[in-house]
Protein backbone atom coordinates (compact mmCIF):
# COMPACT_ATOMS: atom_id res chain seq x y z
CA MET A 1 0.00 0.00 0.00
CA VAL A 2 2.90 2.37 0.71
CA GLU A 3 4.23 1.80 -2.81
CA VAL A 4 0.79 2.51 -4.27
CA ALA A 5 0.58 5.73 -2.28
CA LYS A 6 4.07 6.76 -3.38
CA TYR A 7 3.41 6.30 -7.09
CA THR A 8 0.01 7.93 -6.80
CA LEU A 9 1.75 11.02 -5.42
CA VAL A 10 4.15 10.94 -8.38
CA LEU A 11 1.12 10.89 -10.68
CA ILE A 12 -0.44 13.82 -8.79
CA ALA A 13 2.78 15.83 -9.24
CA ILE A 14 2.62 15.20 -13.00
CA ILE A 15 -1.06 16.18 -13.09
CA ASN A 16 -0.29 19.40 -11.20
CA ALA A 17 2.36 20.29 -13.78
CA ALA A 18 -0.19 19.66 -16.52
CA ILE A 19 -2.79 21.84 -14.75
CA VAL A 20 -0.32 24.72 -14.99
CA VAL A 21 1.28 24.18 -18.39
CA VAL A 22 -1.43 22.68 -20.64
CA PRO A 23 -4.04 25.49 -20.29
CA TYR A 24 -1.25 28.02 -20.85
CA LEU A 25 -0.09 26.29 -24.04
CA MET A 26 -3.72 26.18 -25.20
CA GLY A 27 -4.06 29.94 -24.65
CA ARG A 28 -6.62 29.57 -21.87
CA ALA A 29 -4.72 30.71 -18.77
CA GLU A 30 -1.73 32.65 -17.54
CA LEU A 31 1.54 30.89 -16.87
CA MET A 32 2.29 33.07 -13.87
CA SER A 33 -0.60 33.38 -11.45
CA ILE A 34 -1.08 33.18 -7.72
CA ARG A 35 -2.92 29.89 -8.24
CA ASN A 36 -0.03 28.35 -10.11
CA PHE A 37 2.54 29.41 -7.54
CA PHE A 38 0.32 28.02 -4.77
CA LEU A 39 0.13 24.71 -6.64
CA LEU A 40 3.91 24.77 -6.98
CA GLY A 41 4.29 25.15 -3.23
CA PHE A 42 1.69 22.47 -2.55
CA THR A 43 3.42 20.08 -4.95
CA ILE A 44 6.84 20.60 -3.36
CA TYR A 45 5.81 20.54 0.28
CA GLN A 46 3.04 17.96 0.26
CA VAL A 47 3.23 15.89 -2.93
CA THR A 48 6.90 15.35 -3.85
CA SER A 49 7.83 15.67 -0.20
CA GLY A 50 5.44 12.78 0.41
CA VAL A 51 7.16 10.72 -2.27
CA ILE A 52 10.54 11.31 -0.60
CA CYS A 53 9.13 10.47 2.83
CA LEU A 54 7.56 7.19 1.69
CA HIS A 55 10.55 6.21 -0.42
CA ASN A 56 13.04 6.52 2.43
CA PRO A 57 11.43 7.02 5.87
CA ALA A 58 14.84 6.57 7.53
CA ASN A 59 15.79 10.07 6.35
CA PHE A 60 13.54 11.58 8.99
CA ALA A 61 13.71 11.82 12.75
CA SER A 62 12.82 8.54 14.43
CA GLU A 63 10.37 10.41 16.67
CA ILE A 64 8.06 11.03 13.70
CA ALA A 65 8.24 7.56 12.21
CA LEU A 66 4.85 6.23 11.11
CA SER A 67 3.51 3.40 13.27
CA GLN A 68 0.91 2.52 10.61
CA PRO A 69 2.57 3.50 7.31
CA ALA A 70 0.14 1.66 5.01
CA ASP A 71 -3.05 3.14 6.44
CA THR A 72 -1.59 6.60 7.05
CA SER A 73 -0.01 6.93 3.60
CA LEU A 74 -3.26 5.92 1.91
CA LYS A 75 -5.22 8.39 4.00
CA PHE A 76 -2.67 11.10 3.21
CA VAL A 77 -3.02 10.54 -0.53
CA ILE A 78 -6.83 10.67 -0.32
CA TRP A 79 -6.64 13.92 1.63
CA VAL A 80 -4.22 15.42 -0.91
CA ILE A 81 -6.64 14.58 -3.75
CA VAL A 82 -9.66 15.94 -1.87
CA PHE A 83 -7.82 19.13 -0.90
CA GLU A 84 -6.75 19.87 -4.47
CA ALA A 85 -10.21 19.11 -5.90
CA VAL A 86 -11.98 21.39 -3.41
CA PHE A 87 -9.32 24.11 -3.71
CA LEU A 88 -9.57 24.21 -7.51
CA ALA A 89 -13.38 24.17 -7.43
CA ALA A 90 -13.53 27.04 -4.92
CA TYR A 91 -10.97 28.95 -6.98
CA ARG A 92 -12.98 28.50 -10.16
CA TRP A 93 -16.26 29.59 -8.58
CA GLY A 94 -14.63 32.48 -6.73
CA ILE A 95 -17.76 33.20 -4.70
CA GLY A 96 -17.32 36.67 -3.17
CA ALA A 97 -13.62 36.83 -4.11
CA LYS A 98 -14.22 38.29 -7.57
CA ARG A 99 -16.58 40.95 -6.24
CA LEU A 100 -14.14 41.93 -3.49
CA ALA A 101 -11.38 42.24 -6.09
CA ARG A 102 -13.51 44.72 -8.08
CA TRP A 103 -13.81 46.87 -4.97
CA THR A 104 -10.05 46.98 -4.39
CA PRO A 105 -8.56 50.38 -5.40
CA ILE A 106 -5.71 50.27 -7.92
CA ILE A 107 -3.51 52.81 -9.72
CA GLN A 108 -4.59 53.30 -13.33
CA GLY A 109 -2.29 53.87 -16.31
CA GLU A 110 1.43 53.22 -16.77
CA ALA A 111 4.19 55.76 -16.22
CA ARG A 112 7.04 56.55 -18.60
CA GLU A 113 10.39 54.84 -18.05
CA PRO A 114 12.10 57.71 -16.14
CA ILE A 115 9.11 57.84 -13.80
CA LEU A 116 9.32 54.08 -13.23
CA TRP A 117 13.00 54.40 -12.27
CA LEU A 118 12.06 57.23 -9.91
CA PHE A 119 9.50 54.94 -8.30
CA ALA A 120 11.99 52.07 -8.07
CA PHE A 121 14.58 54.08 -6.13
CA THR A 122 11.94 55.83 -4.01
CA LEU A 123 10.50 52.45 -3.09
CA LEU A 124 13.96 51.23 -2.05
CA GLY A 125 14.14 54.14 0.39
CA ALA A 126 10.67 53.35 1.70
CA ALA A 127 11.60 49.67 2.03
CA ALA A 128 14.73 50.50 4.02
CA LEU A 129 12.72 52.66 6.43
CA LEU A 130 10.05 49.99 6.83
CA ARG A 131 12.63 47.25 7.42
CA LEU A 132 14.43 49.40 10.04
CA SER A 133 11.15 49.65 11.91
CA VAL A 134 11.79 46.05 13.01
CA PHE A 135 13.21 47.61 16.17
CA ILE A 136 9.95 49.42 16.96
CA PRO A 137 7.69 47.37 19.25
CA TYR A 138 4.21 46.39 18.13
CA VAL A 139 4.29 47.95 14.64
CA SER A 140 7.22 45.95 13.29
CA ILE A 141 5.09 42.84 12.81
CA LEU A 142 3.39 44.76 9.98
CA THR A 143 6.03 47.14 8.66
CA SER A 144 8.90 44.67 8.31
CA HIS A 145 6.80 42.39 6.09
CA ILE A 146 5.59 45.34 4.02
CA GLY A 147 9.18 46.57 3.69
CA THR A 148 10.31 43.26 2.23
CA SER A 149 7.47 43.31 -0.31
CA VAL A 150 8.20 46.92 -1.25
CA ALA A 151 11.85 45.98 -1.88
CA ALA A 152 10.62 43.14 -4.09
CA VAL A 153 8.39 45.57 -6.02
CA ALA A 154 11.41 47.83 -6.59
CA ALA A 155 13.41 44.89 -7.96
CA GLY A 156 10.43 43.89 -10.10
CA LEU A 157 10.24 47.42 -11.51
CA GLY A 158 13.89 47.17 -12.52
CA ALA A 159 13.18 43.93 -14.38
CA TRP A 160 9.97 45.40 -15.84
CA ILE A 161 11.95 48.21 -17.50
CA TRP A 162 15.07 46.27 -18.42
CA VAL A 163 13.30 43.39 -20.19
CA ARG A 164 11.87 45.88 -22.69
CA ARG A 165 15.38 47.05 -23.59
CA PRO A 166 17.60 44.11 -22.60
CA LEU A 167 20.57 45.25 -24.71
CA ASN A 168 20.62 48.77 -23.30
CA PRO A 169 23.62 49.00 -20.90
CA ALA A 170 22.13 51.83 -18.84
CA ALA A 171 18.89 49.92 -18.24
CA ALA A 172 20.87 46.79 -17.31
CA ALA A 173 23.11 48.75 -14.92
CA PHE A 174 20.15 50.36 -13.18
CA MET A 175 18.36 47.01 -12.96
CA PHE A 176 21.29 45.26 -11.27
CA LEU A 177 21.82 48.22 -8.94
CA VAL A 178 18.17 48.09 -7.86
CA LEU A 179 18.40 44.31 -7.46
CA PHE A 180 21.56 44.54 -5.35
CA LEU A 181 20.04 47.16 -3.05
CA ALA A 182 16.74 45.26 -2.79
CA ILE A 183 18.54 42.07 -1.73
CA ALA A 184 20.66 43.97 0.80
CA ILE A 185 17.52 45.50 2.32
CA GLY A 186 15.54 42.26 2.22
CA ILE A 187 18.06 39.96 3.93
CA THR A 188 19.18 42.33 6.67
CA GLY A 189 18.39 40.85 10.07
CA VAL A 190 16.51 37.91 8.53
CA PHE A 191 17.14 34.19 8.99
CA GLY A 192 14.52 32.71 6.66
CA ARG A 193 14.69 32.70 2.87
CA ARG A 194 11.32 34.30 2.22
CA PRO A 195 12.76 37.78 1.40
CA ILE A 196 15.20 36.36 -1.13
CA VAL A 197 12.44 34.23 -2.68
CA ALA A 198 10.14 37.27 -2.83
CA ILE A 199 12.74 39.39 -4.62
CA ALA A 200 13.85 36.64 -7.01
CA ALA A 201 10.24 35.69 -7.85
CA CYS A 202 9.17 39.30 -8.35
CA ILE A 203 11.93 39.72 -10.93
CA GLY A 204 10.51 36.82 -12.92
CA TRP A 205 6.98 38.06 -12.31
CA GLY A 206 7.88 41.55 -13.60
CA THR A 207 9.66 40.10 -16.64
CA TYR A 208 6.64 38.00 -17.54
CA TYR A 209 3.96 40.68 -17.13
CA SER A 210 6.03 43.44 -18.67
CA ARG A 211 6.77 41.64 -21.91
CA TRP A 212 6.89 37.87 -22.02
CA ARG A 213 3.16 37.52 -21.38
CA ASN A 214 2.49 38.72 -24.91
CA LEU A 215 4.87 36.29 -26.61
CA HIS A 216 4.09 32.80 -27.87
CA PRO A 217 3.88 30.29 -24.99
CA ALA A 218 6.65 28.09 -26.40
CA THR A 219 8.97 31.11 -26.52
CA VAL A 220 8.10 32.06 -22.96
CA LEU A 221 8.70 28.54 -21.63
CA ALA A 222 12.07 28.37 -23.41
CA ARG A 223 13.16 31.73 -22.02
CA ALA A 224 11.87 30.88 -18.57
CA ALA A 225 13.92 27.67 -18.59
CA ILE A 226 17.05 29.67 -19.43
CA PHE A 227 16.65 32.86 -17.43
CA GLY A 228 14.88 31.12 -14.56
CA ILE A 229 18.20 29.57 -13.62
CA ILE A 230 19.33 32.88 -12.12
CA PRO A 231 16.66 33.26 -9.38
CA VAL A 232 16.69 29.51 -8.66
CA VAL A 233 20.46 29.53 -8.12
CA LEU A 234 20.18 32.65 -5.97
CA VAL A 235 17.57 31.04 -3.70
CA ALA A 236 19.49 27.74 -3.61
CA LYS A 237 22.70 29.47 -2.53
CA TYR A 238 20.87 31.37 0.19
CA THR A 239 19.25 28.15 1.37
CA THR A 240 22.70 26.59 1.82
CA VAL A 241 24.02 29.33 4.14
CA ARG A 242 20.90 30.67 5.82
CA GLY A 243 21.63 28.66 8.94
CA ASN A 244 24.67 30.91 9.45
CA PHE A 245 22.35 33.88 9.81
CA TYR A 246 20.24 32.50 12.67
CA GLN A 247 20.41 35.08 15.49
CA SER A 248 23.34 36.67 13.66
CA SER A 249 24.12 40.40 13.60
CA GLU A 250 26.09 40.23 10.36
CA GLY A 251 25.53 43.06 7.92
CA PRO A 252 23.98 42.64 4.47
CA PHE A 253 27.25 42.78 2.54
CA SER A 254 28.86 40.05 4.65
CA ARG A 255 25.78 37.92 4.09
CA MET A 256 25.84 38.54 0.36
CA MET A 257 29.48 37.41 0.18
CA GLN A 258 28.55 34.15 1.91
CA ILE A 259 25.63 33.69 -0.49
CA ALA A 260 27.90 34.17 -3.50
CA GLU A 261 30.32 31.49 -2.23
CA ALA A 262 27.64 28.97 -1.17
CA ASP A 263 27.22 25.52 -2.70
CA THR A 264 24.33 25.58 -5.15
CA MET A 265 23.60 21.86 -5.37
CA THR A 266 23.15 21.48 -1.61
CA GLY A 267 20.57 24.24 -1.66
CA LEU A 268 18.75 22.77 -4.64
CA VAL A 269 18.39 19.40 -2.93
CA ASP A 270 16.98 21.11 0.16
CA LEU A 271 14.55 23.15 -1.94
CA VAL A 272 12.99 20.18 -3.74
CA SER A 273 12.95 17.89 -0.70
CA GLY A 274 10.05 19.65 0.96
CA GLN A 275 11.92 19.79 4.30
CA GLU A 276 10.10 16.85 5.89
CA CYS A 277 6.78 18.65 5.47
CA ALA A 278 4.77 15.65 4.27
CA ALA A 279 6.39 13.47 6.94
CA TRP A 280 5.07 15.85 9.59
CA SER A 281 1.65 16.00 7.96
CA MET A 282 1.39 12.20 8.07
CA TYR A 283 2.69 12.08 11.61
CA LEU A 284 0.09 14.63 12.73
CA MET A 285 -2.61 12.51 11.09
CA GLN A 286 -1.56 9.71 13.44
CA MET A 287 -1.30 11.92 16.54
CA TYR A 288 -4.73 13.57 16.30
CA PRO A 289 -7.19 12.92 17.81
CA GLU A 290 -5.87 9.65 19.29
CA TYR A 291 -3.10 11.17 21.42
CA HIS A 292 -3.96 14.90 21.45
CA GLU A 293 -7.22 16.81 21.30
CA TYR A 294 -8.13 18.76 18.19
CA ARG A 295 -7.52 22.51 18.23
CA HIS A 296 -10.56 23.15 16.06
CA MET A 297 -10.10 25.72 13.26
CA HIS A 298 -6.91 26.98 14.89
CA ALA A 299 -5.39 28.14 11.57
CA ILE A 300 -8.29 30.45 10.72
CA LYS A 301 -8.44 31.87 14.25
CA TYR A 302 -4.66 32.32 14.39
CA TYR A 303 -4.70 34.20 11.07
CA PHE A 304 -6.67 36.98 12.77
CA GLN A 305 -4.73 36.69 16.04
CA PHE A 306 -1.30 36.77 14.46
CA SER A 307 -0.80 40.56 14.50
CA VAL A 308 -1.55 40.87 18.24
CA PRO A 309 1.81 41.06 20.07
CA ARG A 310 2.35 38.47 22.76
CA ALA A 311 3.41 41.30 25.07
CA ILE A 312 -0.18 42.51 24.98
CA TRP A 313 -1.70 39.03 24.99
CA PRO A 314 0.58 36.74 27.03
CA ASP A 315 -1.83 33.81 26.72
CA LYS A 316 -2.08 34.10 22.96
CA PRO A 317 -2.30 30.56 21.48
CA HIS A 318 0.88 29.13 20.02
CA ALA A 319 1.32 28.18 16.40
CA LEU A 320 1.15 24.51 15.48
CA ALA A 321 4.69 24.75 14.10
CA GLU A 322 5.91 25.71 17.57
CA ILE A 323 4.28 22.90 19.53
CA ALA A 324 4.13 19.89 17.19
CA TRP A 325 7.77 18.93 17.74
CA VAL A 326 7.26 19.28 21.51
CA ASP A 327 4.26 16.94 21.34
CA ALA A 328 6.44 14.55 19.33
CA ASP A 329 9.00 14.52 22.18
CA ILE A 330 11.92 15.56 19.97
CA PRO A 331 14.70 16.65 22.35
CA GLY A 332 17.60 19.04 21.98
CA MET A 333 15.96 21.70 19.82
CA PRO A 334 16.90 25.40 20.28
CA ASP A 335 14.49 28.05 21.52
CA GLY A 336 12.19 29.26 18.78
CA PHE A 337 12.58 26.07 16.74
CA THR A 338 9.65 25.39 14.41
CA ILE A 339 8.67 22.74 11.89
CA GLY A 340 6.60 22.81 8.71
CA PRO A 341 3.42 20.91 9.59
CA GLY A 342 1.93 21.29 6.11
CA ILE A 343 -1.62 22.31 5.26
CA ILE A 344 -2.68 18.65 5.49
CA GLY A 345 -1.10 18.49 8.94
CA HIS A 346 -3.03 21.60 9.97
CA ALA A 347 -6.30 20.02 8.94
CA ALA A 348 -5.40 16.74 10.64
CA SER A 349 -4.72 18.45 13.97
CA GLU A 350 -7.44 21.09 13.79
CA GLY A 351 -10.63 19.16 13.20
CA GLY A 352 -9.89 16.38 10.75
CA PHE A 353 -11.73 15.91 7.46
CA TYR A 354 -14.18 18.77 7.92
CA ALA A 355 -11.24 21.11 8.54
CA LEU A 356 -9.63 19.87 5.33
CA LEU A 357 -12.73 20.88 3.35
CA ILE A 358 -12.95 24.30 5.02
CA TYR A 359 -9.24 25.08 4.59
CA ALA A 360 -9.28 24.02 0.93
CA THR A 361 -12.31 26.21 0.25
CA ALA A 362 -10.93 29.20 2.15
CA LEU A 363 -7.57 29.02 0.39
CA GLY A 364 -9.22 28.62 -3.02
CA LEU A 365 -11.18 31.84 -2.48
CA PHE A 366 -8.16 33.56 -0.89
CA VAL A 367 -6.00 32.83 -3.93
CA ARG A 368 -8.78 33.71 -6.38
CA TYR A 369 -9.12 37.18 -4.83
CA PHE A 370 -5.51 38.11 -5.58
CA ASP A 371 -5.62 36.64 -9.07
CA SER A 372 -8.80 38.62 -9.75
CA VAL A 373 -7.14 41.87 -8.65
CA LEU A 374 -4.26 41.07 -10.97
CA ALA A 375 -6.65 40.30 -13.85
CA ARG A 376 -8.01 43.85 -13.68
CA ALA A 377 -4.74 45.34 -14.94
CA PRO A 378 -1.97 42.79 -15.57
CA MET A 379 -0.07 45.24 -17.81
CA GLN A 380 0.04 47.85 -15.06
CA PRO A 381 3.26 47.48 -12.99
CA PHE A 382 1.72 49.14 -9.95
CA VAL A 383 -0.89 46.39 -9.87
CA ALA A 384 0.95 43.35 -11.19
CA LEU A 385 4.14 43.75 -9.16
CA PRO A 386 2.58 44.10 -5.68
CA ILE A 387 0.52 40.97 -6.35
CA GLY A 388 3.77 39.10 -7.05
CA ALA A 389 5.78 40.72 -4.25
CA SER A 390 5.32 38.16 -1.49
CA MET A 391 5.96 34.86 -3.22
CA GLY A 392 8.11 33.50 -0.39
CA ASN A 393 5.06 33.58 1.86
CA LEU A 394 2.74 32.26 -0.85
CA LEU A 395 4.95 29.24 -1.49
CA GLY A 396 5.12 28.69 2.27
CA ILE A 397 1.34 28.54 2.82
CA PRO A 398 1.10 24.80 1.92
CA ARG A 399 4.18 24.13 4.07
CA GLY A 400 2.91 25.82 7.23
CA GLU A 401 2.66 27.53 9.62
CA THR A 402 -0.21 28.28 7.20
CA PRO A 403 -1.89 31.20 9.03
CA ASN A 404 1.48 32.94 9.49
CA PHE A 405 2.35 32.70 5.81
CA ALA A 406 -1.17 33.63 4.67
CA TYR A 407 -1.21 36.67 6.98
CA GLU A 408 2.24 37.83 5.88
CA PHE A 409 1.30 37.35 2.22
CA THR A 410 -1.84 39.44 2.70
CA VAL A 411 0.04 42.18 4.53
CA GLY A 412 2.88 42.15 2.01
CA VAL A 413 0.66 42.43 -1.06
CA LEU A 414 -1.93 44.90 0.23
CA GLY A 415 0.73 46.85 2.15
CA SER A 416 2.87 47.34 -0.94
CA LEU A 417 -0.22 48.43 -2.90
CA VAL A 418 -0.89 51.07 -0.23
CA ILE A 419 2.77 52.20 -0.18
CA LEU A 420 2.69 52.62 -3.96
CA ILE A 421 -0.39 54.83 -3.71
CA ILE A 422 1.26 56.89 -0.93
CA VAL A 423 4.51 57.24 -2.91
CA ALA A 424 2.55 58.30 -6.02
CA ARG A 425 0.72 60.99 -4.04
CA LEU A 426 3.96 62.25 -2.46
CA LEU A 427 5.81 62.42 -5.77
CA LYS A 428 2.85 64.23 -7.29
CA ALA A 429 2.70 66.70 -4.38
CA MET A 430 6.45 67.36 -4.78
CA GLY A 431 6.01 68.03 -8.51
CA PHE A 432 7.99 65.03 -9.77
CA ILE A 433 5.01 63.48 -11.53
CA THR A 434 1.69 64.66 -12.91
CA ASN A 435 -1.61 63.03 -13.80
CA SER A 436 -0.49 62.75 -17.40
CA ASP A 437 2.25 60.33 -16.33
CA PHE A 438 -0.47 57.75 -15.67
CA ASN A 439 -2.76 58.43 -18.60
CA GLN A 440 -0.86 57.43 -21.71
CA PRO A 441 -3.23 56.24 -24.46
CA GLY A 442 -3.60 52.48 -24.60
CA LEU A 443 -2.02 51.90 -21.20
CA GLU A 444 -4.95 52.41 -18.87
CA GLY A 445 -4.98 48.74 -17.91
CA ASP A 446 -6.00 45.47 -19.48
CA THR A 447 -9.65 46.07 -20.35
CA HIS A 448 -9.65 42.61 -21.92
CA HIS A 449 -10.15 41.29 -18.40
CA ALA A 450 -11.72 44.30 -16.72
CA ASP A 451 -14.43 42.15 -15.16
CA GLY A 452 -11.90 40.50 -12.88
CA SER A 453 -12.21 37.14 -14.58
CA THR A 454 -9.15 34.93 -14.69
CA ASP A 455 -10.61 32.45 -17.16
CA GLY A 456 -8.86 32.69 -20.52
CA LEU A 457 -6.32 35.25 -19.37
CA TYR A 458 -4.07 34.44 -22.30
CA ASP A 459 -5.69 34.89 -25.69
CA PRO A 460 -3.54 34.14 -28.79
CA ASN A 461 -5.57 36.55 -30.94
CA TYR A 462 -5.31 39.30 -28.33
CA THR A 463 -1.59 38.63 -28.02
CA ALA A 464 -1.13 38.78 -31.78
CA SER A 465 -2.42 42.35 -31.78
CA TYR A 466 0.81 43.40 -30.10
CA GLY A 467 2.83 42.21 -33.10
CA SER A 468 6.00 40.18 -33.00
CA ASP A 469 8.69 40.13 -30.37
CA PRO A 470 10.06 43.73 -30.16
CA GLU A 471 13.58 42.32 -30.22
CA SER A 472 13.04 41.17 -33.79
CA ASN A 473 11.76 44.53 -34.98
């Protein structure tokens, strides 16, 4: 039965890849969307991680070994299938999410290139100030996450401009300068890899929505395979050395030197392994409710409790990631140690099957909301880039702690949208920009999807109206 479960998970991983790629090749969906990145995270942390766990259980701590591997692995596979089916159905229906997206204020029009560079460097300054606020009690839980997303938006703006003139040395120089500063700001005082993932992903996101979106799918996939190596290597290198930064006071430049010298292959193996996430999900399925009582709907409640400082609420409930390893009696872990319980593990410990259905539905609508905001103006950098500015947290939602990642993703995306509006108003008040900078003919947004629909986002006929690849002209 374990072998059947393992190969079923392999099949699910292949199906997930097809869900992303086939509709795109057929011209019926975007390649880059919040849904597709969520599925990528789910595949890594629950599906392929499950394959690795079942293939070689000895790789994991003996304390989380499965006492009933046949029954638990089968149950895990069934739950994975049910979760994906409900998630995709809720996403497609989008009940309430599409309407809420239409109510979300966005900046209209697209600025000229000099104005975009002005925004990029202004946003870097705003990001640095927001990241420094990490030392301010109570507010830092919001501002530090927003600062990271704002830095990612700045890097995305650099890519947005550069990809339209890739052979222009000035554009390339500015792009790499913005990228260097964004990384320095993002990794300062941070142990996890989410900032580096956010910046790297936003570069790809900006490249796609600025230009590649309107090219033939085969061309985009080929370019993505080539140029995608850069952000993947960057994240892999950071993964290798991030343990050196735990509770470290090293400055950003020292950290960047260590990243440059890190072993790439070690980081890549860690990235695709899923970090024992599926193993923990299966273990939690065995633990609850037989050995521990359910904490019903804890993830949804904790999402709204997350921003309340523990100094104000000393009895604030603890995250599942903080207590699961304690319940598993794993000794010798440092203070603050957490695990990735996985979204399946959350459901297993927070109500069982009914929680699985609720979490899948909630996340389907959650993801649909952000994709529907994006669909209103995907060619507008001040809409598209904030939506793609918190990918580290989005990829982490299936891994868990799910409410933490979901909260930080929400704050990062909506916070960067707000910061962009504030920066636009300030630059206008100072006389650096005018209304005409956002009202160029033909750039008021993508009216092709003005209803907020994300069905058929890519249309070959619509794409053809843009002509051939500008590089060939």
